[in-house]
Amino acid sequence: MCKRKTSSIFSASPLHLIVILYIVCFPHAHGAQANVAYLAGGCFWCTEAVFEEAPGVTSVISGYMQGAETIQVTFDPAKTTYRKLLILFWEAHDPTQVDRQGADVGKQYRSAIFYANDQQRDEAQTLKAQVQKFYSKPIATEITQAGSFRPAPESHQNFCRKNPNNSYVQQVIEPKLKKLGLKKSQAASR
């Protein structure tokens, strides 16, 4: 009978265990989340609807991070880039408003980019400086290290697609999608 060596975390060296625990407990620190963006641009229903239509985006989850309504955007780096997502983010809302977007007022509606690694932080800071040239008021978007992301209840997920006749969807989200040149949500076009 052949004896096969099996590996187990219990037989790993102490240093190996520390590395494993670090990766599991702090995935953002080592770049495991490179294809995920965390963006807060006001009400997450609106931000979610925009990014659901963005080329290269594979999933969007509405939720909360550091007290802000935030979306978690997973994307295919072969089809889009983090930079392109940030450009769409700044086009999709008014980044000069402090703790609000339109009629939604409060710190939970602030503009924020929560970076998952140093490369995302550097890209966001560089692009923020470039985008500032297009605004007369200072950009209020905060750029902060991502913390834990908490998904919103199911009733908030895919809100625009599930509720195409909702007045907020019709009066705010659909015009925004048209303005950005993104197709209408699938449910609304049926």
C-alpha atoms as a PDB file:
ATOM      1  CA  MET A   1       0.000   0.000   0.000  1.00  0.00           C
ATOM      2  CA  CYS A   2       1.311   3.421  -0.932  1.00  0.00           C
ATOM      3  CA  LYS A   3       1.783   5.865   1.885  1.00  0.00           C
ATOM      4  CA  ARG A   4       0.893   9.370   0.829  1.00  0.00           C
ATOM      5  CA  LYS A   5       2.008  12.399   2.764  1.00  0.00           C
ATOM      6  CA  THR A   6      -0.963  14.537   3.727  1.00  0.00           C
ATOM      7  CA  SER A   7      -0.700  18.128   4.715  1.00  0.00           C
ATOM      8  CA  SER A   8      -2.715  19.824   7.357  1.00  0.00           C
ATOM      9  CA  ILE A   9      -2.703  23.230   8.883  1.00  0.00           C
ATOM     10  CA  PHE A  10      -2.006  21.434  12.120  1.00  0.00           C
ATOM     11  CA  SER A  11       1.327  20.160  10.779  1.00  0.00           C
ATOM     12  CA  ALA A  12       2.330  23.543   9.354  1.00  0.00           C
ATOM     13  CA  SER A  13       5.071  25.604  10.890  1.00  0.00           C
ATOM     14  CA  PRO A  14       4.088  28.442  13.261  1.00  0.00           C
ATOM     15  CA  LEU A  15       5.179  31.003  10.640  1.00  0.00           C
ATOM     16  CA  HIS A  16       3.022  29.303   8.021  1.00  0.00           C
ATOM     17  CA  LEU A  17       0.023  29.436  10.377  1.00  0.00           C
ATOM     18  CA  ILE A  18       0.584  33.139  10.984  1.00  0.00           C
ATOM     19  CA  VAL A  19       0.616  33.811   7.227  1.00  0.00           C
ATOM     20  CA  ILE A  20      -2.590  31.787   6.744  1.00  0.00           C
ATOM     21  CA  LEU A  21      -4.336  33.612   9.575  1.00  0.00           C
ATOM     22  CA  TYR A  22      -3.157  36.988   8.224  1.00  0.00           C
ATOM     23  CA  ILE A  23      -4.566  36.205   4.775  1.00  0.00           C
ATOM     24  CA  VAL A  24      -7.879  34.994   6.207  1.00  0.00           C
ATOM     25  CA  CYS A  25      -8.296  37.833   8.721  1.00  0.00           C
ATOM     26  CA  PHE A  26      -6.924  40.678   6.575  1.00  0.00           C
ATOM     27  CA  PRO A  27      -7.634  39.820   2.930  1.00  0.00           C
ATOM     28  CA  HIS A  28      -7.387  43.462   1.792  1.00  0.00           C
ATOM     29  CA  ALA A  29      -3.833  43.818   3.048  1.00  0.00           C
ATOM     30  CA  HIS A  30      -2.288  41.343   0.643  1.00  0.00           C
ATOM     31  CA  GLY A  31      -4.299  42.228  -2.465  1.00  0.00           C
ATOM     32  CA  ALA A  32      -6.721  39.289  -2.535  1.00  0.00           C
ATOM     33  CA  GLN A  33      -9.504  41.778  -3.209  1.00  0.00           C
ATOM     34  CA  ALA A  34      -7.804  43.399  -6.221  1.00  0.00           C
ATOM     35  CA  ASN A  35     -10.874  42.816  -8.428  1.00  0.00           C
ATOM     36  CA  VAL A  36     -13.321  44.289  -5.929  1.00  0.00           C
ATOM     37  CA  ALA A  37     -14.173  47.955  -5.509  1.00  0.00           C
ATOM     38  CA  TYR A  38     -16.080  49.516  -2.601  1.00  0.00           C
ATOM     39  CA  LEU A  39     -17.833  52.743  -3.567  1.00  0.00           C
ATOM     40  CA  ALA A  40     -20.253  55.043  -1.743  1.00  0.00           C
ATOM     41  CA  GLY A  41     -22.002  57.640  -3.876  1.00  0.00           C
ATOM     42  CA  GLY A  42     -25.238  58.435  -2.088  1.00  0.00           C
ATOM     43  CA  CYS A  43     -28.153  56.025  -1.972  1.00  0.00           C
ATOM     44  CA  PHE A  44     -26.914  52.551  -2.840  1.00  0.00           C
ATOM     45  CA  TRP A  45     -30.000  51.823  -4.973  1.00  0.00           C
ATOM     46  CA  CYS A  46     -28.848  54.402  -7.482  1.00  0.00           C
ATOM     47  CA  THR A  47     -25.156  53.527  -7.345  1.00  0.00           C
ATOM     48  CA  GLU A  48     -25.951  49.821  -7.616  1.00  0.00           C
ATOM     49  CA  ALA A  49     -28.121  50.382 -10.716  1.00  0.00           C
ATOM     50  CA  VAL A  50     -25.317  52.287 -12.460  1.00  0.00           C
ATOM     51  CA  PHE A  51     -22.686  49.642 -11.820  1.00  0.00           C
ATOM     52  CA  GLU A  52     -24.982  46.735 -12.683  1.00  0.00           C
ATOM     53  CA  GLU A  53     -24.983  48.170 -16.215  1.00  0.00           C
ATOM     54  CA  ALA A  54     -21.228  48.874 -16.385  1.00  0.00           C
ATOM     55  CA  PRO A  55     -19.205  46.752 -18.817  1.00  0.00           C
ATOM     56  CA  GLY A  56     -16.941  44.225 -17.105  1.00  0.00           C
ATOM     57  CA  VAL A  57     -18.810  44.225 -13.790  1.00  0.00           C
ATOM     58  CA  THR A  58     -19.666  40.697 -12.680  1.00  0.00           C
ATOM     59  CA  SER A  59     -21.632  41.468  -9.492  1.00  0.00           C
ATOM     60  CA  VAL A  60     -22.841  44.359  -7.370  1.00  0.00           C
ATOM     61  CA  ILE A  61     -23.957  44.054  -3.763  1.00  0.00           C
ATOM     62  CA  SER A  62     -25.517  46.908  -1.814  1.00  0.00           C
ATOM     63  CA  GLY A  63     -24.470  47.244   1.790  1.00  0.00           C
ATOM     64  CA  TYR A  64     -22.727  49.295   4.402  1.00  0.00           C
ATOM     65  CA  MET A  65     -19.135  50.161   5.180  1.00  0.00           C
ATOM     66  CA  GLN A  66     -17.999  52.592   7.831  1.00  0.00           C
ATOM     67  CA  GLY A  67     -21.515  53.999   8.181  1.00  0.00           C
ATOM     68  CA  ALA A  68     -21.973  54.750   4.470  1.00  0.00           C
ATOM     69  CA  GLU A  69     -24.358  53.170   1.991  1.00  0.00           C
ATOM     70  CA  THR A  70     -21.767  51.363  -0.111  1.00  0.00           C
ATOM     71  CA  ILE A  71     -21.702  48.992  -3.041  1.00  0.00           C
ATOM     72  CA  GLN A  72     -19.293  46.114  -3.438  1.00  0.00           C
ATOM     73  CA  VAL A  73     -18.407  45.841  -7.124  1.00  0.00           C
ATOM     74  CA  THR A  74     -16.689  42.711  -8.411  1.00  0.00           C
ATOM     75  CA  PHE A  75     -15.231  43.084 -11.876  1.00  0.00           C
ATOM     76  CA  ASP A  76     -13.395  41.167 -14.574  1.00  0.00           C
ATOM     77  CA  PRO A  77      -9.985  42.843 -15.097  1.00  0.00           C
ATOM     78  CA  ALA A  78      -9.884  41.447 -18.650  1.00  0.00           C
ATOM     79  CA  LYS A  79     -12.960  43.561 -19.482  1.00  0.00           C
ATOM     80  CA  THR A  80     -12.571  46.711 -17.374  1.00  0.00           C
ATOM     81  CA  THR A  81     -10.198  48.380 -14.962  1.00  0.00           C
ATOM     82  CA  TYR A  82     -10.432  49.836 -11.498  1.00  0.00           C
ATOM     83  CA  ARG A  83      -9.637  53.217 -13.070  1.00  0.00           C
ATOM     84  CA  LYS A  84     -12.619  52.973 -15.459  1.00  0.00           C
ATOM     85  CA  LEU A  85     -14.888  52.107 -12.538  1.00  0.00           C
ATOM     86  CA  LEU A  86     -13.644  55.149 -10.616  1.00  0.00           C
ATOM     87  CA  ILE A  87     -14.288  57.412 -13.611  1.00  0.00           C
ATOM     88  CA  LEU A  88     -17.854  56.087 -13.845  1.00  0.00           C
ATOM     89  CA  PHE A  89     -18.217  56.574 -10.085  1.00  0.00           C
ATOM     90  CA  TRP A  90     -17.308  60.259 -10.335  1.00  0.00           C
ATOM     91  CA  GLU A  91     -19.562  60.752 -13.377  1.00  0.00           C
ATOM     92  CA  ALA A  92     -22.522  59.067 -11.656  1.00  0.00           C
ATOM     93  CA  HIS A  93     -22.848  61.451  -8.700  1.00  0.00           C
ATOM     94  CA  ASP A  94     -21.846  64.899  -7.468  1.00  0.00           C
ATOM     95  CA  PRO A  95     -18.611  64.321  -5.544  1.00  0.00           C
ATOM     96  CA  THR A  96     -18.542  67.914  -4.287  1.00  0.00           C
ATOM     97  CA  GLN A  97     -21.548  67.457  -1.998  1.00  0.00           C
ATOM     98  CA  VAL A  98     -20.687  66.833   1.639  1.00  0.00           C
ATOM     99  CA  ASP A  99     -22.687  64.147   3.446  1.00  0.00           C
ATOM    100  CA  ARG A 100     -25.460  64.115   0.863  1.00  0.00           C
ATOM    101  CA  GLN A 101     -26.552  63.354  -2.667  1.00  0.00           C
ATOM    102  CA  GLY A 102     -29.476  65.408  -3.882  1.00  0.00           C
ATOM    103  CA  ALA A 103     -32.420  64.990  -1.514  1.00  0.00           C
ATOM    104  CA  ASP A 104     -30.652  62.247   0.485  1.00  0.00           C
ATOM    105  CA  VAL A 105     -28.966  63.985   3.420  1.00  0.00           C
ATOM    106  CA  GLY A 106     -26.773  62.460   6.103  1.00  0.00           C
ATOM    107  CA  LYS A 107     -23.310  61.008   6.600  1.00  0.00           C
ATOM    108  CA  GLN A 108     -24.552  57.633   5.297  1.00  0.00           C
ATOM    109  CA  TYR A 109     -24.956  59.290   1.851  1.00  0.00           C
ATOM    110  CA  ARG A 110     -21.427  60.675   1.667  1.00  0.00           C
ATOM    111  CA  SER A 111     -19.110  60.148  -1.276  1.00  0.00           C
ATOM    112  CA  ALA A 112     -16.342  57.666  -0.470  1.00  0.00           C
ATOM    113  CA  ILE A 113     -13.938  55.233  -2.045  1.00  0.00           C
ATOM    114  CA  PHE A 114     -12.891  52.438   0.270  1.00  0.00           C
ATOM    115  CA  TYR A 115      -9.689  50.998  -1.156  1.00  0.00           C
ATOM    116  CA  ALA A 116      -8.789  47.328  -0.762  1.00  0.00           C
ATOM    117  CA  ASN A 117      -5.041  47.719  -1.272  1.00  0.00           C
ATOM    118  CA  ASP A 118      -2.289  50.301  -1.811  1.00  0.00           C
ATOM    119  CA  GLN A 119      -2.615  50.158  -5.590  1.00  0.00           C
ATOM    120  CA  GLN A 120      -6.314  51.068  -5.396  1.00  0.00           C
ATOM    121  CA  ARG A 121      -5.528  53.876  -2.926  1.00  0.00           C
ATOM    122  CA  ASP A 122      -2.873  55.346  -5.216  1.00  0.00           C
ATOM    123  CA  GLU A 123      -5.138  55.082  -8.275  1.00  0.00           C
ATOM    124  CA  ALA A 124      -8.027  56.771  -6.431  1.00  0.00           C
ATOM    125  CA  GLN A 125      -5.839  59.619  -5.129  1.00  0.00           C
ATOM    126  CA  THR A 126      -4.249  60.233  -8.533  1.00  0.00           C
ATOM    127  CA  LEU A 127      -7.565  60.210 -10.352  1.00  0.00           C
ATOM    128  CA  LYS A 128      -9.233  62.409  -7.723  1.00  0.00           C
ATOM    129  CA  ALA A 129      -6.607  65.091  -8.383  1.00  0.00           C
ATOM    130  CA  GLN A 130      -7.224  64.827 -12.140  1.00  0.00           C
ATOM    131  CA  VAL A 131     -11.019  64.904 -11.799  1.00  0.00           C
ATOM    132  CA  GLN A 132     -10.850  67.956  -9.514  1.00  0.00           C
ATOM    133  CA  LYS A 133      -9.964  70.069 -12.578  1.00  0.00           C
ATOM    134  CA  PHE A 134     -13.540  69.618 -13.820  1.00  0.00           C
ATOM    135  CA  TYR A 135     -15.189  71.011 -10.675  1.00  0.00           C
ATOM    136  CA  SER A 136     -15.226  74.546  -9.290  1.00  0.00           C
ATOM    137  CA  LYS A 137     -15.893  73.274  -5.750  1.00  0.00           C
ATOM    138  CA  PRO A 138     -13.545  70.858  -3.946  1.00  0.00           C
ATOM    139  CA  ILE A 139     -14.263  67.165  -4.323  1.00  0.00           C
ATOM    140  CA  ALA A 140     -15.540  65.866  -0.987  1.00  0.00           C
ATOM    141  CA  THR A 141     -14.992  62.179  -1.806  1.00  0.00           C
ATOM    142  CA  GLU A 142     -13.073  60.560   1.017  1.00  0.00           C
ATOM    143  CA  ILE A 143     -10.516  57.894   0.178  1.00  0.00           C
ATOM    144  CA  THR A 144     -10.260  55.483   3.090  1.00  0.00           C
ATOM    145  CA  GLN A 145      -9.032  51.942   3.658  1.00  0.00           C
ATOM    146  CA  ALA A 146     -11.831  49.414   3.369  1.00  0.00           C
ATOM    147  CA  GLY A 147     -13.137  47.881   6.540  1.00  0.00           C
ATOM    148  CA  SER A 148     -15.698  45.148   6.896  1.00  0.00           C
ATOM    149  CA  PHE A 149     -18.512  45.218   4.372  1.00  0.00           C
ATOM    150  CA  ARG A 150     -21.992  44.285   5.566  1.00  0.00           C
ATOM    151  CA  PRO A 151     -24.547  43.438   2.853  1.00  0.00           C
ATOM    152  CA  ALA A 152     -27.893  45.198   3.084  1.00  0.00           C
ATOM    153  CA  PRO A 153     -31.078  43.142   3.526  1.00  0.00           C
ATOM    154  CA  GLU A 154     -32.320  41.291   0.423  1.00  0.00           C
ATOM    155  CA  SER A 155     -35.065  43.894  -0.127  1.00  0.00           C
ATOM    156  CA  HIS A 156     -32.329  46.410  -1.031  1.00  0.00           C
ATOM    157  CA  GLN A 157     -30.460  44.145  -3.478  1.00  0.00           C
ATOM    158  CA  ASN A 158     -31.122  44.747  -7.205  1.00  0.00           C
ATOM    159  CA  PHE A 159     -33.728  47.307  -6.183  1.00  0.00           C
ATOM    160  CA  CYS A 160     -34.059  48.963  -9.594  1.00  0.00           C
ATOM    161  CA  ARG A 161     -34.523  45.669 -11.439  1.00  0.00           C
ATOM    162  CA  LYS A 162     -37.017  44.348  -8.890  1.00  0.00           C
ATOM    163  CA  ASN A 163     -38.997  47.597  -8.651  1.00  0.00           C
ATOM    164  CA  PRO A 164     -39.094  49.229 -12.119  1.00  0.00           C
ATOM    165  CA  ASN A 165     -42.346  51.087 -11.330  1.00  0.00           C
ATOM    166  CA  ASN A 166     -41.049  52.614  -8.093  1.00  0.00           C
ATOM    167  CA  SER A 167     -41.156  56.431  -8.310  1.00  0.00           C
ATOM    168  CA  TYR A 168     -37.513  56.770  -7.172  1.00  0.00           C
ATOM    169  CA  VAL A 169     -36.451  54.350  -9.906  1.00  0.00           C
ATOM    170  CA  GLN A 170     -38.445  56.195 -12.560  1.00  0.00           C
ATOM    171  CA  GLN A 171     -37.623  59.752 -11.476  1.00  0.00           C
ATOM    172  CA  VAL A 172     -33.999  59.409 -10.349  1.00  0.00           C
ATOM    173  CA  ILE A 173     -32.357  56.161 -11.420  1.00  0.00           C
ATOM    174  CA  GLU A 174     -33.661  55.715 -14.984  1.00  0.00           C
ATOM    175  CA  PRO A 175     -32.807  59.317 -16.013  1.00  0.00           C
ATOM    176  CA  LYS A 176     -29.338  58.870 -14.520  1.00  0.00           C
ATOM    177  CA  LEU A 177     -28.761  55.657 -16.498  1.00  0.00           C
ATOM    178  CA  LYS A 178     -29.839  57.435 -19.690  1.00  0.00           C
ATOM    179  CA  LYS A 179     -27.602  60.432 -18.954  1.00  0.00           C
ATOM    180  CA  LEU A 180     -24.612  58.148 -18.434  1.00  0.00           C
ATOM    181  CA  GLY A 181     -25.367  56.297 -21.675  1.00  0.00           C
ATOM    182  CA  LEU A 182     -26.068  53.037 -19.845  1.00  0.00           C
ATOM    183  CA  LYS A 183     -28.938  50.843 -20.934  1.00  0.00           C
ATOM    184  CA  LYS A 184     -32.131  50.778 -18.949  1.00  0.00           C
ATOM    185  CA  SER A 185     -32.363  48.070 -16.328  1.00  0.00           C
ATOM    186  CA  GLN A 186     -33.675  44.787 -17.756  1.00  0.00           C
ATOM    187  CA  ALA A 187     -36.831  44.703 -15.634  1.00  0.00           C
ATOM    188  CA  ALA A 188     -37.771  48.249 -16.646  1.00  0.00           C
ATOM    189  CA  SER A 189     -37.377  47.481 -20.368  1.00  0.00           C
ATOM    190  CA  ARG A 190     -39.699  44.424 -20.371  1.00  0.00           C
END
